[in-house]
Structure formats: structure tokens, C-alpha cells
Amino acid sequence: MVDTKKKHQSRTRTRTRTRTRTRTRTRRLEAHDKSRHAQRVITAEVNDDASYTHFKSLLPKSTSLCKGSMSNGKKYKVHIALSKDFATLKKATNHYRLIYIHDNHQVLAYISVKIYKKDGGFMFIHKVCSTGGGGYGAKLMNMILEDARKNYEKLGITYLSLTTHNLDLIKYYNQFNPTRVVEINNPGSKAKTLKRVAYIIWQLSPDMPWIDYV
């Protein structure tokens, strides 16, 4: 005679072990997928025609890059300025560095930096934006700050700066400990309602001039 109680318990244990094995395999697969995704994220720099072509080829698929919302609910998109080729980029725009983070499918963040010799010499962050989340924009900011602080004498600069019309971003940039943050009405604007602009400055040298932006 079959002991139905023991048979039921055996089946229950088998189902439990199967579910446990399935959950374990699922967790392993998820962890593997996350690991593979993390390995695919690459930090690259544009330094020739091939790398510039690669950067530009990823932009059409980077549909979330440089987009966001302001505190007033308005959407914004940062314009991505491009040159015809790498030689034009270097020659015409005071170009210094263009670094981007990608996964071979889309650009996750990029930063474009210029160097000017006027006003004491300064490094200017022309564009920095990301897809949001992941900390990629912060990684690029820290890379440029480290470069500026380490090489300011060789580069002939005394400070690093950027400007933004999105004043909501001041709180974001404060995490990088700027030396000065100056808010003024947009200089030279002919609009009836003047837009505010923020100048964010990091001092690199004791020789940095004190510029009156007002």
C-alpha cells in the first residue's frame, strides 16, 4: 500500500528544490547580465578621425543624451555641436579634449573642453551632459578637474570654468566644490525678459584674476 502522505511530502520537497534551483539560476543570470553590461561601458577620448567618427556614429542612437527637465517642469535638450572632421574640430574651436563614455551602442555621457589664453588663461567646459543616472557625467567632471589641477602650469591656465542657463544645475555642480558661483542676467541678451546665467569657476592658480562678471 502506497503511503500517500510521504509521497506528497516527497513531491513537495522536489518542487521546492526545483523552485530554489530556478531562483538561484535566475539570480546568477541577472548578476551575469549586470556584469556583462558593466564590462561593456567604455571611457574613450576623441584624438583622431577614427575616434571622432565613432563618437558621431553613436549619437543618432543616443536618444536620451543631454535631455532633462527643469524645476518648473519645462523640458530641455542641450545642443551637441559637431565639426566636419577631427582636423576642423582642433583647428577652429580652441579644442582641448573630448571624452565620452559609451557601451558601443550609445553615448552615455560626454564632455567637451576648450582652452583660452585670455583673462588669465582658462580651461572652459563647453559641453558636459549624460543620459542621467549611472554617475557618468560626474566621472567626466572629476577627470577634467584632475587634469586641470595637475597640468594648469603646463597648459598656461589659472582657472577652470563653465556657464549654464539652467540654474537648477548649480546644486549639481556644487558637489565639485567650485571656488566661485556668480549669477547674473545674460550679458548681451536682447530679450525682453532677461535670462539668468551662472558662471561656475574653479581656481587652479594663485594668479587667477578676479573677474567682475556683473
N, C-alpha and C. Protein backbone atom coordinates (compact mmCIF):
# COMPACT_ATOMS: atom_id res chain seq x y z
N MET A 1 0.84 -1.20 0.00
CA MET A 1 0.00 0.00 0.00
C MET A 1 0.89 1.26 0.00
N VAL A 2 0.57 2.24 -0.90
CA VAL A 2 1.40 3.46 -1.01
C VAL A 2 1.05 4.45 0.09
N ASP A 3 2.09 4.94 0.76
CA ASP A 3 1.88 5.96 1.79
C ASP A 3 1.72 7.31 1.08
N THR A 4 0.48 7.75 0.87
CA THR A 4 0.20 8.98 0.12
C THR A 4 0.77 10.20 0.81
N LYS A 5 0.84 10.20 2.12
CA LYS A 5 1.38 11.34 2.85
C LYS A 5 2.85 11.54 2.55
N LYS A 6 3.62 10.41 2.59
CA LYS A 6 5.05 10.50 2.30
C LYS A 6 5.27 10.88 0.84
N LYS A 7 4.40 10.32 -0.06
CA LYS A 7 4.53 10.64 -1.48
C LYS A 7 4.30 12.13 -1.72
N HIS A 8 3.31 12.71 -1.04
CA HIS A 8 3.02 14.12 -1.17
C HIS A 8 4.17 14.97 -0.64
N GLN A 9 4.74 14.55 0.50
CA GLN A 9 5.87 15.29 1.06
C GLN A 9 7.08 15.26 0.12
N SER A 10 7.28 14.09 -0.52
CA SER A 10 8.40 13.96 -1.44
C SER A 10 8.22 14.88 -2.63
N ARG A 11 6.98 14.94 -3.16
CA ARG A 11 6.72 15.81 -4.29
C ARG A 11 6.89 17.28 -3.90
N THR A 12 6.46 17.62 -2.68
CA THR A 12 6.59 19.00 -2.20
C THR A 12 8.05 19.39 -2.10
N ARG A 13 8.88 18.45 -1.56
CA ARG A 13 10.31 18.74 -1.44
C ARG A 13 10.94 18.91 -2.82
N THR A 14 10.52 18.07 -3.78
CA THR A 14 11.07 18.15 -5.13
C THR A 14 10.73 19.48 -5.78
N ARG A 15 9.43 19.91 -5.63
CA ARG A 15 9.03 21.19 -6.20
C ARG A 15 9.78 22.35 -5.55
N THR A 16 9.98 22.26 -4.22
CA THR A 16 10.70 23.31 -3.50
C THR A 16 12.13 23.42 -3.98
N ARG A 17 12.79 22.21 -4.15
CA ARG A 17 14.17 22.22 -4.64
C ARG A 17 14.25 22.78 -6.05
N THR A 18 13.25 22.44 -6.88
CA THR A 18 13.24 22.94 -8.26
C THR A 18 13.09 24.45 -8.30
N ARG A 19 12.14 24.98 -7.47
CA ARG A 19 11.95 26.43 -7.42
C ARG A 19 13.20 27.13 -6.92
N THR A 20 13.85 26.53 -5.90
CA THR A 20 15.07 27.12 -5.35
C THR A 20 16.17 27.17 -6.39
N ARG A 21 16.33 26.03 -7.14
CA ARG A 21 17.35 26.00 -8.18
C ARG A 21 17.06 27.02 -9.28
N THR A 22 15.76 27.15 -9.63
CA THR A 22 15.38 28.11 -10.66
C THR A 22 15.68 29.53 -10.23
N ARG A 23 15.33 29.88 -8.95
CA ARG A 23 15.61 31.22 -8.46
C ARG A 23 17.10 31.49 -8.43
N THR A 24 17.89 30.47 -8.03
CA THR A 24 19.34 30.63 -7.96
C THR A 24 19.92 30.88 -9.35
N ARG A 25 19.43 30.07 -10.34
CA ARG A 25 19.91 30.27 -11.71
C ARG A 25 19.53 31.65 -12.23
N THR A 26 18.32 32.10 -11.91
CA THR A 26 17.85 33.42 -12.35
C THR A 26 18.72 34.52 -11.77
N ARG A 27 19.02 34.42 -10.46
CA ARG A 27 19.87 35.42 -9.83
C ARG A 27 21.25 35.44 -10.46
N ARG A 28 21.78 34.22 -10.77
CA ARG A 28 23.10 34.16 -11.39
C ARG A 28 23.10 34.79 -12.77
N LEU A 29 22.04 34.52 -13.54
CA LEU A 29 21.92 35.10 -14.87
C LEU A 29 21.81 36.62 -14.80
N GLU A 30 21.00 37.12 -13.85
CA GLU A 30 20.86 38.57 -13.68
C GLU A 30 22.19 39.20 -13.31
N ALA A 31 22.90 38.54 -12.38
CA ALA A 31 24.20 39.07 -11.97
C ALA A 31 25.17 39.04 -13.14
N HIS A 32 25.10 37.98 -13.96
CA HIS A 32 25.98 37.87 -15.12
C HIS A 32 25.67 38.96 -16.13
N ASP A 33 24.37 39.20 -16.35
CA ASP A 33 23.97 40.25 -17.29
C ASP A 33 24.46 41.62 -16.83
N LYS A 34 24.32 41.90 -15.52
CA LYS A 34 24.79 43.17 -14.98
C LYS A 34 26.30 43.29 -15.14
N SER A 35 26.99 42.17 -14.89
CA SER A 35 28.44 42.18 -15.01
C SER A 35 28.86 42.42 -16.45
N ARG A 36 28.16 41.75 -17.40
CA ARG A 36 28.49 41.94 -18.80
C ARG A 36 28.23 43.37 -19.24
N HIS A 37 27.12 43.97 -18.73
CA HIS A 37 26.80 45.35 -19.08
C HIS A 37 27.87 46.29 -18.53
N ALA A 38 28.31 46.04 -17.28
CA ALA A 38 29.33 46.89 -16.67
C ALA A 38 30.63 46.82 -17.47
N GLN A 39 30.97 45.62 -18.00
CA GLN A 39 32.19 45.45 -18.76
C GLN A 39 32.12 46.16 -20.11
N ARG A 40 30.91 46.34 -20.64
CA ARG A 40 30.75 46.97 -21.94
C ARG A 40 30.90 48.48 -21.89
N VAL A 41 30.77 49.08 -20.72
CA VAL A 41 30.86 50.53 -20.61
C VAL A 41 32.33 50.95 -20.76
N ILE A 42 32.58 51.81 -21.73
CA ILE A 42 33.95 52.18 -22.10
C ILE A 42 34.11 53.69 -22.03
N THR A 43 35.22 54.13 -21.46
CA THR A 43 35.59 55.55 -21.48
C THR A 43 36.61 55.75 -22.59
N ALA A 44 36.28 56.63 -23.53
CA ALA A 44 37.15 56.84 -24.68
C ALA A 44 37.37 58.33 -24.90
N GLU A 45 38.44 58.64 -25.64
CA GLU A 45 38.73 60.03 -25.96
C GLU A 45 38.88 60.20 -27.46
N VAL A 46 38.34 61.29 -27.96
CA VAL A 46 38.48 61.61 -29.37
C VAL A 46 39.87 62.20 -29.59
N ASN A 47 40.69 61.51 -30.37
CA ASN A 47 42.04 62.02 -30.62
C ASN A 47 42.49 61.84 -32.07
N ASP A 48 41.57 61.38 -32.94
CA ASP A 48 41.86 61.28 -34.37
C ASP A 48 40.55 61.15 -35.13
N ASP A 49 40.64 61.02 -36.45
CA ASP A 49 39.42 60.94 -37.27
C ASP A 49 38.59 59.70 -36.93
N ALA A 50 39.26 58.58 -36.69
CA ALA A 50 38.54 57.33 -36.42
C ALA A 50 37.72 57.44 -35.14
N SER A 51 38.31 57.98 -34.08
CA SER A 51 37.58 58.08 -32.80
C SER A 51 36.48 59.13 -32.89
N TYR A 52 36.72 60.21 -33.66
CA TYR A 52 35.67 61.22 -33.82
C TYR A 52 34.50 60.66 -34.64
N THR A 53 34.81 59.90 -35.66
CA THR A 53 33.77 59.25 -36.45
C THR A 53 32.97 58.28 -35.60
N HIS A 54 33.66 57.55 -34.73
CA HIS A 54 32.97 56.60 -33.84
C HIS A 54 32.03 57.34 -32.90
N PHE A 55 32.52 58.42 -32.30
CA PHE A 55 31.69 59.22 -31.40
C PHE A 55 30.43 59.71 -32.12
N LYS A 56 30.60 60.28 -33.31
CA LYS A 56 29.46 60.82 -34.05
C LYS A 56 28.51 59.72 -34.49
N SER A 57 29.02 58.53 -34.78
CA SER A 57 28.16 57.43 -35.24
C SER A 57 27.22 56.93 -34.16
N LEU A 58 27.59 57.14 -32.90
CA LEU A 58 26.75 56.68 -31.78
C LEU A 58 25.66 57.68 -31.41
N LEU A 59 25.81 58.94 -31.82
CA LEU A 59 24.88 59.99 -31.39
C LEU A 59 23.43 59.77 -31.85
N PRO A 60 23.17 59.33 -33.10
CA PRO A 60 21.77 59.12 -33.50
C PRO A 60 21.04 58.10 -32.63
N LYS A 61 21.80 57.16 -32.04
CA LYS A 61 21.17 56.14 -31.19
C LYS A 61 21.13 56.57 -29.72
N SER A 62 21.73 57.73 -29.42
CA SER A 62 21.78 58.22 -28.03
C SER A 62 20.58 59.13 -27.78
N THR A 63 19.41 58.57 -27.79
CA THR A 63 18.18 59.37 -27.78
C THR A 63 17.90 60.05 -26.44
N SER A 64 18.52 59.58 -25.37
CA SER A 64 18.30 60.20 -24.05
C SER A 64 19.42 61.14 -23.65
N LEU A 65 20.44 61.26 -24.48
CA LEU A 65 21.61 62.06 -24.13
C LEU A 65 21.27 63.54 -24.11
N CYS A 66 21.73 64.23 -23.07
CA CYS A 66 21.61 65.69 -22.97
C CYS A 66 20.17 66.17 -22.87
N LYS A 67 19.28 65.36 -22.37
CA LYS A 67 17.90 65.76 -22.18
C LYS A 67 17.58 65.75 -20.69
N GLY A 68 16.62 66.60 -20.28
CA GLY A 68 16.22 66.62 -18.88
C GLY A 68 15.03 67.53 -18.66
N SER A 69 14.70 67.71 -17.40
CA SER A 69 13.59 68.59 -17.01
C SER A 69 14.07 69.58 -15.98
N MET A 70 13.54 70.79 -16.05
CA MET A 70 13.87 71.83 -15.07
C MET A 70 12.86 71.80 -13.94
N SER A 71 13.14 72.54 -12.87
CA SER A 71 12.25 72.53 -11.71
C SER A 71 10.88 73.11 -12.03
N ASN A 72 10.78 73.93 -13.08
CA ASN A 72 9.49 74.49 -13.47
C ASN A 72 8.71 73.57 -14.40
N GLY A 73 9.26 72.37 -14.63
CA GLY A 73 8.57 71.39 -15.45
C GLY A 73 8.91 71.43 -16.92
N LYS A 74 9.63 72.46 -17.34
CA LYS A 74 9.98 72.58 -18.75
C LYS A 74 11.07 71.57 -19.11
N LYS A 75 10.94 70.99 -20.30
CA LYS A 75 11.93 70.07 -20.81
C LYS A 75 13.04 70.86 -21.50
N TYR A 76 14.22 70.29 -21.52
CA TYR A 76 15.31 70.93 -22.25
C TYR A 76 16.18 69.87 -22.93
N LYS A 77 16.87 70.28 -23.96
CA LYS A 77 17.83 69.43 -24.64
C LYS A 77 19.05 70.27 -24.98
N VAL A 78 20.20 69.80 -24.58
CA VAL A 78 21.45 70.51 -24.84
C VAL A 78 21.89 70.22 -26.28
N HIS A 79 22.18 71.28 -27.03
CA HIS A 79 22.63 71.13 -28.41
C HIS A 79 24.04 70.53 -28.44
N ILE A 80 24.24 69.53 -29.27
CA ILE A 80 25.54 68.90 -29.42
C ILE A 80 26.21 69.47 -30.66
N ALA A 81 27.23 70.30 -30.46
CA ALA A 81 27.92 70.94 -31.59
C ALA A 81 28.94 69.98 -32.17
N LEU A 82 28.90 69.82 -33.49
CA LEU A 82 29.81 68.90 -34.17
C LEU A 82 30.57 69.61 -35.28
N SER A 83 31.76 69.13 -35.53
CA SER A 83 32.57 69.64 -36.64
C SER A 83 32.60 68.61 -37.77
N LYS A 84 33.05 69.06 -38.93
CA LYS A 84 33.08 68.18 -40.09
C LYS A 84 34.00 66.98 -39.86
N ASP A 85 35.17 67.22 -39.30
CA ASP A 85 36.12 66.14 -39.03
C ASP A 85 37.02 66.58 -37.88
N PHE A 86 37.93 65.69 -37.50
CA PHE A 86 38.77 65.96 -36.33
C PHE A 86 39.69 67.15 -36.56
N ALA A 87 40.23 67.29 -37.77
CA ALA A 87 41.13 68.42 -38.06
C ALA A 87 40.39 69.74 -37.90
N THR A 88 39.15 69.81 -38.35
CA THR A 88 38.35 71.02 -38.21
C THR A 88 38.04 71.29 -36.74
N LEU A 89 37.73 70.24 -36.01
CA LEU A 89 37.46 70.38 -34.58
C LEU A 89 38.64 71.02 -33.86
N LYS A 90 39.83 70.53 -34.14
CA LYS A 90 41.03 71.03 -33.46
C LYS A 90 41.39 72.45 -33.90
N LYS A 91 41.21 72.74 -35.16
CA LYS A 91 41.69 74.00 -35.71
C LYS A 91 40.78 75.18 -35.38
N ALA A 92 39.47 74.96 -35.39
CA ALA A 92 38.54 76.10 -35.40
C ALA A 92 37.93 76.45 -34.05
N THR A 93 38.11 75.64 -33.03
CA THR A 93 37.30 75.85 -31.83
C THR A 93 38.07 75.88 -30.52
N ASN A 94 39.38 76.13 -30.55
CA ASN A 94 40.18 76.11 -29.31
C ASN A 94 40.03 74.78 -28.58
N HIS A 95 39.85 73.73 -29.34
CA HIS A 95 39.59 72.41 -28.77
C HIS A 95 40.75 71.93 -27.91
N TYR A 96 40.41 71.32 -26.78
CA TYR A 96 41.42 70.69 -25.93
C TYR A 96 41.16 69.19 -25.79
N ARG A 97 39.99 68.81 -25.25
CA ARG A 97 39.69 67.39 -25.09
C ARG A 97 38.20 67.13 -25.31
N LEU A 98 37.89 65.95 -25.82
CA LEU A 98 36.52 65.46 -25.90
C LEU A 98 36.55 64.01 -25.45
N ILE A 99 35.94 63.76 -24.29
CA ILE A 99 35.93 62.42 -23.70
C ILE A 99 34.48 61.94 -23.65
N TYR A 100 34.27 60.69 -23.97
CA TYR A 100 32.91 60.16 -23.93
C TYR A 100 32.88 58.76 -23.33
N ILE A 101 31.77 58.45 -22.70
CA ILE A 101 31.54 57.13 -22.14
C ILE A 101 30.43 56.48 -22.96
N HIS A 102 30.67 55.25 -23.42
CA HIS A 102 29.70 54.59 -24.30
C HIS A 102 29.66 53.09 -24.01
N ASP A 103 28.68 52.44 -24.62
CA ASP A 103 28.57 50.98 -24.48
C ASP A 103 28.57 50.31 -25.86
N ASN A 104 29.15 50.99 -26.83
CA ASN A 104 29.20 50.56 -28.23
C ASN A 104 27.84 50.57 -28.90
N HIS A 105 26.85 51.10 -28.22
CA HIS A 105 25.53 51.27 -28.81
C HIS A 105 25.11 52.73 -28.76
N GLN A 106 25.40 53.39 -27.63
CA GLN A 106 25.03 54.79 -27.47
C GLN A 106 26.05 55.49 -26.57
N VAL A 107 26.07 56.81 -26.68
CA VAL A 107 26.90 57.63 -25.78
C VAL A 107 26.13 57.83 -24.49
N LEU A 108 26.75 57.48 -23.38
CA LEU A 108 26.12 57.62 -22.07
C LEU A 108 26.43 58.98 -21.43
N ALA A 109 27.56 59.55 -21.79
CA ALA A 109 27.94 60.89 -21.30
C ALA A 109 29.13 61.36 -22.13
N TYR A 110 29.26 62.69 -22.24
CA TYR A 110 30.45 63.22 -22.89
C TYR A 110 30.75 64.60 -22.33
N ILE A 111 32.03 64.99 -22.47
CA ILE A 111 32.46 66.31 -22.03
C ILE A 111 33.39 66.87 -23.10
N SER A 112 33.15 68.12 -23.46
CA SER A 112 33.97 68.81 -24.46
C SER A 112 34.61 70.02 -23.80
N VAL A 113 35.92 70.14 -23.94
CA VAL A 113 36.67 71.16 -23.20
C VAL A 113 37.54 71.97 -24.16
N LYS A 114 37.60 73.29 -23.91
CA LYS A 114 38.41 74.19 -24.70
C LYS A 114 39.41 74.92 -23.80
N ILE A 115 40.42 75.50 -24.39
CA ILE A 115 41.38 76.31 -23.64
C ILE A 115 41.50 77.68 -24.31
N TYR A 116 41.38 78.72 -23.48
CA TYR A 116 41.52 80.10 -23.95
C TYR A 116 42.69 80.75 -23.22
N LYS A 117 43.42 81.59 -23.93
CA LYS A 117 44.58 82.25 -23.33
C LYS A 117 44.25 83.62 -22.75
N LYS A 118 43.05 84.14 -23.00
CA LYS A 118 42.67 85.45 -22.49
C LYS A 118 42.24 85.36 -21.02
N ASP A 119 42.07 86.52 -20.38
CA ASP A 119 41.58 86.60 -19.00
C ASP A 119 42.37 85.71 -18.03
N GLY A 120 43.65 85.70 -18.18
CA GLY A 120 44.49 84.91 -17.28
C GLY A 120 44.72 83.49 -17.72
N GLY A 121 44.10 83.09 -18.82
CA GLY A 121 44.20 81.71 -19.30
C GLY A 121 43.25 80.81 -18.53
N PHE A 122 42.33 80.17 -19.24
CA PHE A 122 41.40 79.30 -18.54
C PHE A 122 40.95 78.13 -19.40
N MET A 123 40.60 77.07 -18.73
CA MET A 123 40.00 75.90 -19.35
C MET A 123 38.49 76.06 -19.25
N PHE A 124 37.81 75.86 -20.36
CA PHE A 124 36.36 76.09 -20.40
C PHE A 124 35.64 74.80 -20.77
N ILE A 125 34.72 74.38 -19.91
CA ILE A 125 33.90 73.22 -20.21
C ILE A 125 32.78 73.68 -21.14
N HIS A 126 32.92 73.34 -22.40
CA HIS A 126 31.98 73.79 -23.42
C HIS A 126 30.66 73.01 -23.33
N LYS A 127 30.76 71.71 -23.18
CA LYS A 127 29.57 70.87 -23.04
C LYS A 127 29.88 69.72 -22.08
N VAL A 128 28.95 69.43 -21.22
CA VAL A 128 29.01 68.20 -20.43
C VAL A 128 27.57 67.75 -20.19
N CYS A 129 27.27 66.54 -20.57
CA CYS A 129 25.92 66.03 -20.34
C CYS A 129 25.93 64.51 -20.40
N SER A 130 24.86 63.92 -19.92
CA SER A 130 24.78 62.47 -19.86
C SER A 130 23.35 62.02 -20.08
N THR A 131 23.15 60.72 -19.98
CA THR A 131 21.81 60.16 -20.14
C THR A 131 21.04 60.20 -18.82
N GLY A 132 21.70 60.57 -17.73
CA GLY A 132 21.05 60.60 -16.41
C GLY A 132 21.22 59.26 -15.72
N GLY A 133 21.62 59.32 -14.45
CA GLY A 133 21.86 58.08 -13.71
C GLY A 133 23.20 57.47 -14.11
N GLY A 134 23.72 56.62 -13.28
CA GLY A 134 24.98 55.95 -13.58
C GLY A 134 26.21 56.69 -13.13
N GLY A 135 26.09 57.99 -12.87
CA GLY A 135 27.24 58.77 -12.41
C GLY A 135 28.28 59.04 -13.48
N TYR A 136 27.90 58.88 -14.76
CA TYR A 136 28.87 59.03 -15.84
C TYR A 136 29.31 60.49 -16.01
N GLY A 137 28.36 61.43 -15.91
CA GLY A 137 28.72 62.84 -16.02
C GLY A 137 29.67 63.28 -14.92
N ALA A 138 29.42 62.80 -13.70
CA ALA A 138 30.30 63.13 -12.56
C ALA A 138 31.70 62.56 -12.78
N LYS A 139 31.77 61.38 -13.35
CA LYS A 139 33.08 60.77 -13.62
C LYS A 139 33.88 61.65 -14.57
N LEU A 140 33.24 62.15 -15.62
CA LEU A 140 33.93 63.00 -16.58
C LEU A 140 34.33 64.34 -15.97
N MET A 141 33.44 64.91 -15.14
CA MET A 141 33.79 66.16 -14.46
C MET A 141 35.03 65.98 -13.60
N ASN A 142 35.09 64.91 -12.85
CA ASN A 142 36.24 64.67 -11.98
C ASN A 142 37.51 64.43 -12.79
N MET A 143 37.39 63.79 -13.96
CA MET A 143 38.56 63.58 -14.82
C MET A 143 39.14 64.92 -15.29
N ILE A 144 38.27 65.83 -15.70
CA ILE A 144 38.73 67.12 -16.20
C ILE A 144 39.28 67.98 -15.07
N LEU A 145 38.64 67.95 -13.91
CA LEU A 145 39.15 68.70 -12.76
C LEU A 145 40.53 68.21 -12.36
N GLU A 146 40.72 66.90 -12.37
CA GLU A 146 42.03 66.33 -12.03
C GLU A 146 43.08 66.77 -13.04
N ASP A 147 42.73 66.72 -14.32
CA ASP A 147 43.64 67.14 -15.37
C ASP A 147 44.02 68.62 -15.19
N ALA A 148 43.01 69.47 -14.96
CA ALA A 148 43.26 70.91 -14.83
C ALA A 148 44.15 71.22 -13.64
N ARG A 149 43.88 70.58 -12.51
CA ARG A 149 44.67 70.84 -11.31
C ARG A 149 46.09 70.33 -11.43
N LYS A 150 46.26 69.26 -12.15
CA LYS A 150 47.59 68.66 -12.29
C LYS A 150 48.44 69.39 -13.33
N ASN A 151 47.79 69.90 -14.39
CA ASN A 151 48.54 70.40 -15.54
C ASN A 151 48.34 71.88 -15.83
N TYR A 152 47.80 72.65 -14.88
CA TYR A 152 47.47 74.05 -15.19
C TYR A 152 48.68 74.88 -15.59
N GLU A 153 49.84 74.64 -14.97
CA GLU A 153 51.03 75.41 -15.32
C GLU A 153 51.48 75.09 -16.74
N LYS A 154 51.51 73.82 -17.08
CA LYS A 154 51.91 73.40 -18.42
C LYS A 154 50.94 73.93 -19.48
N LEU A 155 49.65 73.96 -19.14
CA LEU A 155 48.63 74.43 -20.07
C LEU A 155 48.52 75.94 -20.13
N GLY A 156 49.14 76.63 -19.17
CA GLY A 156 49.08 78.09 -19.14
C GLY A 156 47.72 78.63 -18.77
N ILE A 157 47.07 77.98 -17.78
CA ILE A 157 45.74 78.40 -17.35
C ILE A 157 45.75 78.67 -15.84
N THR A 158 44.80 79.48 -15.40
CA THR A 158 44.73 79.81 -13.98
C THR A 158 43.42 79.38 -13.34
N TYR A 159 42.43 79.03 -14.17
CA TYR A 159 41.17 78.56 -13.62
C TYR A 159 40.40 77.74 -14.65
N LEU A 160 39.43 77.01 -14.15
CA LEU A 160 38.51 76.20 -14.96
C LEU A 160 37.12 76.80 -14.79
N SER A 161 36.35 76.88 -15.87
CA SER A 161 35.02 77.48 -15.73
C SER A 161 34.01 76.82 -16.66
N LEU A 162 32.75 77.04 -16.35
CA LEU A 162 31.65 76.69 -17.24
C LEU A 162 30.52 77.67 -16.99
N THR A 163 29.60 77.76 -17.93
CA THR A 163 28.42 78.59 -17.75
C THR A 163 27.18 77.75 -18.01
N THR A 164 26.08 78.11 -17.37
CA THR A 164 24.82 77.41 -17.59
C THR A 164 23.65 78.35 -17.41
N HIS A 165 22.64 78.20 -18.27
CA HIS A 165 21.39 78.94 -18.13
C HIS A 165 20.39 78.17 -17.27
N ASN A 166 20.69 76.91 -17.03
CA ASN A 166 19.82 76.08 -16.19
C ASN A 166 20.30 76.19 -14.75
N LEU A 167 19.73 77.13 -14.02
CA LEU A 167 20.20 77.39 -12.65
C LEU A 167 19.93 76.23 -11.71
N ASP A 168 19.05 75.31 -12.10
CA ASP A 168 18.84 74.11 -11.29
C ASP A 168 20.12 73.30 -11.17
N LEU A 169 21.02 73.45 -12.15
CA LEU A 169 22.24 72.64 -12.17
C LEU A 169 23.31 73.14 -11.20
N ILE A 170 23.11 74.32 -10.64
CA ILE A 170 24.11 74.85 -9.70
C ILE A 170 24.29 73.88 -8.53
N LYS A 171 23.20 73.34 -8.04
CA LYS A 171 23.27 72.38 -6.93
C LYS A 171 24.10 71.17 -7.34
N TYR A 172 23.94 70.72 -8.57
CA TYR A 172 24.71 69.57 -9.07
C TYR A 172 26.21 69.90 -9.09
N TYR A 173 26.56 71.07 -9.63
CA TYR A 173 27.97 71.43 -9.75
C TYR A 173 28.60 71.76 -8.40
N ASN A 174 27.80 72.09 -7.42
CA ASN A 174 28.36 72.37 -6.09
C ASN A 174 29.05 71.17 -5.47
N GLN A 175 28.68 69.97 -5.92
CA GLN A 175 29.34 68.78 -5.37
C GLN A 175 30.82 68.72 -5.75
N PHE A 176 31.22 69.49 -6.76
CA PHE A 176 32.61 69.51 -7.20
C PHE A 176 33.39 70.68 -6.58
N ASN A 177 32.77 71.33 -5.59
CA ASN A 177 33.44 72.37 -4.79
C ASN A 177 34.04 73.50 -5.62
N PRO A 178 33.23 74.23 -6.39
CA PRO A 178 33.77 75.37 -7.13
C PRO A 178 34.22 76.48 -6.20
N THR A 179 35.14 77.31 -6.70
CA THR A 179 35.64 78.45 -5.93
C THR A 179 34.63 79.59 -5.92
N ARG A 180 33.98 79.82 -7.05
CA ARG A 180 33.00 80.89 -7.18
C ARG A 180 31.81 80.43 -8.00
N VAL A 181 30.64 80.92 -7.63
CA VAL A 181 29.43 80.76 -8.44
C VAL A 181 28.80 82.14 -8.55
N VAL A 182 28.72 82.66 -9.76
CA VAL A 182 28.21 84.02 -9.99
C VAL A 182 26.98 83.94 -10.88
N GLU A 183 25.86 84.47 -10.39
CA GLU A 183 24.63 84.52 -11.18
C GLU A 183 24.37 85.96 -11.63
N ILE A 184 24.16 86.14 -12.93
CA ILE A 184 23.85 87.48 -13.45
C ILE A 184 22.84 87.34 -14.60
N ASN A 185 22.28 88.46 -15.03
CA ASN A 185 21.48 88.46 -16.25
C ASN A 185 22.39 88.19 -17.44
N ASN A 186 21.86 87.44 -18.39
CA ASN A 186 22.65 87.06 -19.54
C ASN A 186 23.23 88.29 -20.24
N PRO A 187 24.55 88.45 -20.26
CA PRO A 187 25.14 89.64 -20.89
C PRO A 187 24.91 89.64 -22.40
N GLY A 188 24.56 90.81 -22.92
CA GLY A 188 24.36 90.93 -24.36
C GLY A 188 23.02 90.45 -24.86
N SER A 189 22.17 89.95 -23.96
CA SER A 189 20.86 89.46 -24.40
C SER A 189 19.94 90.63 -24.75
N LYS A 190 19.17 90.48 -25.85
CA LYS A 190 18.21 91.49 -26.27
C LYS A 190 16.76 91.08 -25.95
N ALA A 191 16.62 89.98 -25.24
CA ALA A 191 15.28 89.50 -24.89
C ALA A 191 14.61 90.45 -23.90
N LYS A 192 13.29 90.55 -23.99
CA LYS A 192 12.55 91.41 -23.08
C LYS A 192 12.69 90.93 -21.64
N THR A 193 12.58 89.61 -21.47
CA THR A 193 12.81 89.02 -20.16
C THR A 193 14.20 88.41 -20.16
N LEU A 194 15.11 89.04 -19.45
CA LEU A 194 16.49 88.58 -19.45
C LEU A 194 16.64 87.24 -18.75
N LYS A 195 17.38 86.33 -19.39
CA LYS A 195 17.65 85.04 -18.77
C LYS A 195 18.83 85.19 -17.82
N ARG A 196 18.75 84.45 -16.73
CA ARG A 196 19.87 84.42 -15.80
C ARG A 196 20.89 83.39 -16.27
N VAL A 197 22.15 83.68 -16.02
CA VAL A 197 23.21 82.75 -16.36
C VAL A 197 24.13 82.61 -15.15
N ALA A 198 24.65 81.44 -14.96
CA ALA A 198 25.57 81.19 -13.84
C ALA A 198 26.96 80.90 -14.38
N TYR A 199 27.96 81.60 -13.82
CA TYR A 199 29.36 81.31 -14.09
C TYR A 199 29.88 80.51 -12.91
N ILE A 200 30.43 79.34 -13.20
CA ILE A 200 30.94 78.46 -12.15
C ILE A 200 32.45 78.32 -12.37
N ILE A 201 33.23 78.66 -11.35
CA ILE A 201 34.68 78.79 -11.51
C ILE A 201 35.42 77.96 -10.47
N TRP A 202 36.46 77.26 -10.93
CA TRP A 202 37.37 76.54 -10.04
C TRP A 202 38.76 77.17 -10.17
N GLN A 203 39.27 77.72 -9.09
CA GLN A 203 40.61 78.32 -9.13
C GLN A 203 41.67 77.23 -9.18
N LEU A 204 42.64 77.40 -10.07
CA LEU A 204 43.74 76.44 -10.21
C LEU A 204 45.06 77.03 -9.76
N SER A 205 45.20 78.34 -9.91
CA SER A 205 46.47 79.02 -9.62
C SER A 205 46.22 80.24 -8.75
N PRO A 206 47.17 80.59 -7.89
CA PRO A 206 47.03 81.84 -7.11
C PRO A 206 47.04 83.07 -8.00
N ASP A 207 47.44 82.92 -9.26
CA ASP A 207 47.48 84.04 -10.20
C ASP A 207 46.15 84.25 -10.92
N MET A 208 45.13 83.49 -10.57
CA MET A 208 43.83 83.66 -11.22
C MET A 208 43.31 85.08 -11.02
N PRO A 209 42.93 85.77 -12.10
CA PRO A 209 42.39 87.12 -11.95
C PRO A 209 40.98 87.08 -11.36
N TRP A 210 40.63 88.10 -10.61
CA TRP A 210 39.27 88.19 -10.05
C TRP A 210 38.42 88.97 -11.06
N ILE A 211 37.64 88.26 -11.83
CA ILE A 211 36.86 88.87 -12.91
C ILE A 211 35.50 89.30 -12.39
N ASP A 212 35.14 90.53 -12.70
CA ASP A 212 33.82 91.05 -12.32
C ASP A 212 32.85 90.74 -13.46
N TYR A 213 31.99 89.74 -13.25
CA TYR A 213 31.07 89.31 -14.29
C TYR A 213 29.81 90.17 -14.36
N VAL A 214 29.58 91.01 -13.37
CA VAL A 214 28.35 91.81 -13.35
C VAL A 214 28.44 92.94 -14.35
